[in-house]
Amino acid sequence: MLRKVCAVAVASVLAAGCLTACGSSKNTGPLTLDQIKENGKLTVATEAAYEPFEYMDVRS
C-alpha cells in the first residue's frame, strides 16, 4: 500500500512540475499573428523520425 501511495505522490509531483515548466508569465494563451510579427520569428519543433506524421526525405 505504501508503494502505491509513493508512486501516486511521485507522479503528482512530476506532473505538477511539467505543467509549471511549460507556463509563461508573459503570455496567457496562444500567440496572435500580431505578436508573432512583433517578435520577428516563429520557433517550431518537431520529431522528424516519427513516421508517418513527420519524415525526412534524404534522397539527393
C-alpha atoms as a PDB file:
ATOM      1  CA  MET A   1       0.000   0.000   0.000  1.00  0.00           C
ATOM      2  CA  LEU A   2       2.828   2.385   0.854  1.00  0.00           C
ATOM      3  CA  ARG A   3       4.431   1.666  -2.510  1.00  0.00           C
ATOM      4  CA  LYS A   4       1.236   2.730  -4.337  1.00  0.00           C
ATOM      5  CA  VAL A   5       0.916   5.910  -2.271  1.00  0.00           C
ATOM      6  CA  CYS A   6       4.532   6.827  -3.014  1.00  0.00           C
ATOM      7  CA  ALA A   7       4.067   6.133  -6.725  1.00  0.00           C
ATOM      8  CA  VAL A   8       1.000   8.376  -6.865  1.00  0.00           C
ATOM      9  CA  ALA A   9       2.807  11.107  -4.929  1.00  0.00           C
ATOM     10  CA  VAL A  10       5.827  10.998  -7.252  1.00  0.00           C
ATOM     11  CA  ALA A  11       3.605  11.029 -10.339  1.00  0.00           C
ATOM     12  CA  SER A  12       1.697  14.026  -8.978  1.00  0.00           C
ATOM     13  CA  VAL A  13       4.866  15.980  -8.269  1.00  0.00           C
ATOM     14  CA  LEU A  14       6.261  15.219 -11.727  1.00  0.00           C
ATOM     15  CA  ALA A  15       3.003  16.213 -13.422  1.00  0.00           C
ATOM     16  CA  ALA A  16       2.840  19.477 -11.483  1.00  0.00           C
ATOM     17  CA  GLY A  17       6.472  20.211 -12.377  1.00  0.00           C
ATOM     18  CA  CYS A  18       5.819  19.623 -16.063  1.00  0.00           C
ATOM     19  CA  LEU A  19       2.781  21.876 -16.051  1.00  0.00           C
ATOM     20  CA  THR A  20       4.582  24.733 -14.313  1.00  0.00           C
ATOM     21  CA  ALA A  21       7.687  24.386 -16.503  1.00  0.00           C
ATOM     22  CA  CYS A  22       5.595  24.945 -19.620  1.00  0.00           C
ATOM     23  CA  GLY A  23       3.989  28.081 -18.241  1.00  0.00           C
ATOM     24  CA  SER A  24       4.943  31.608 -19.143  1.00  0.00           C
ATOM     25  CA  SER A  25       4.380  34.787 -17.203  1.00  0.00           C
ATOM     26  CA  LYS A  26       4.152  36.961 -20.360  1.00  0.00           C
ATOM     27  CA  ASN A  27       1.598  35.062 -22.413  1.00  0.00           C
ATOM     28  CA  THR A  28      -1.737  33.868 -21.137  1.00  0.00           C
ATOM     29  CA  GLY A  29      -2.655  31.981 -24.310  1.00  0.00           C
ATOM     30  CA  PRO A  30      -1.538  31.202 -27.843  1.00  0.00           C
ATOM     31  CA  LEU A  31       0.374  33.858 -29.734  1.00  0.00           C
ATOM     32  CA  THR A  32      -1.563  36.027 -32.120  1.00  0.00           C
ATOM     33  CA  LEU A  33      -0.321  36.884 -35.604  1.00  0.00           C
ATOM     34  CA  ASP A  34       0.430  40.429 -34.443  1.00  0.00           C
ATOM     35  CA  GLN A  35       2.566  39.121 -31.563  1.00  0.00           C
ATOM     36  CA  ILE A  36       4.499  36.821 -33.920  1.00  0.00           C
ATOM     37  CA  LYS A  37       5.141  39.713 -36.323  1.00  0.00           C
ATOM     38  CA  GLU A  38       6.266  41.894 -33.403  1.00  0.00           C
ATOM     39  CA  ASN A  39       8.712  39.205 -32.212  1.00  0.00           C
ATOM     40  CA  GLY A  40      10.060  38.760 -35.737  1.00  0.00           C
ATOM     41  CA  LYS A  41      10.393  34.990 -35.533  1.00  0.00           C
ATOM     42  CA  LEU A  42       8.399  31.813 -35.010  1.00  0.00           C
ATOM     43  CA  THR A  43      10.092  28.796 -33.453  1.00  0.00           C
ATOM     44  CA  VAL A  44       8.726  25.345 -34.330  1.00  0.00           C
ATOM     45  CA  ALA A  45       9.914  21.976 -33.016  1.00  0.00           C
ATOM     46  CA  THR A  46       9.218  18.559 -34.485  1.00  0.00           C
ATOM     47  CA  GLU A  47      10.369  14.963 -34.248  1.00  0.00           C
ATOM     48  CA  ALA A  48      11.263  14.121 -37.844  1.00  0.00           C
ATOM     49  CA  ALA A  49      11.861  10.441 -37.104  1.00  0.00           C
ATOM     50  CA  TYR A  50       8.235   9.862 -36.024  1.00  0.00           C
ATOM     51  CA  GLU A  51       6.584   8.380 -39.099  1.00  0.00           C
ATOM     52  CA  PRO A  52       4.025   8.715 -40.636  1.00  0.00           C
ATOM     53  CA  PHE A  53       3.391  12.204 -39.253  1.00  0.00           C
ATOM     54  CA  GLU A  54       6.879  13.566 -39.912  1.00  0.00           C
ATOM     55  CA  TYR A  55       9.650  12.267 -42.105  1.00  0.00           C
ATOM     56  CA  MET A  56      12.901  13.314 -43.726  1.00  0.00           C
ATOM     57  CA  ASP A  57      13.488  12.760 -47.445  1.00  0.00           C
ATOM     58  CA  VAL A  58      17.232  12.102 -47.533  1.00  0.00           C
ATOM     59  CA  ARG A  59      17.398  11.298 -51.234  1.00  0.00           C
ATOM     60  CA  SER A  60      19.656  13.599 -53.241  1.00  0.00           C
END
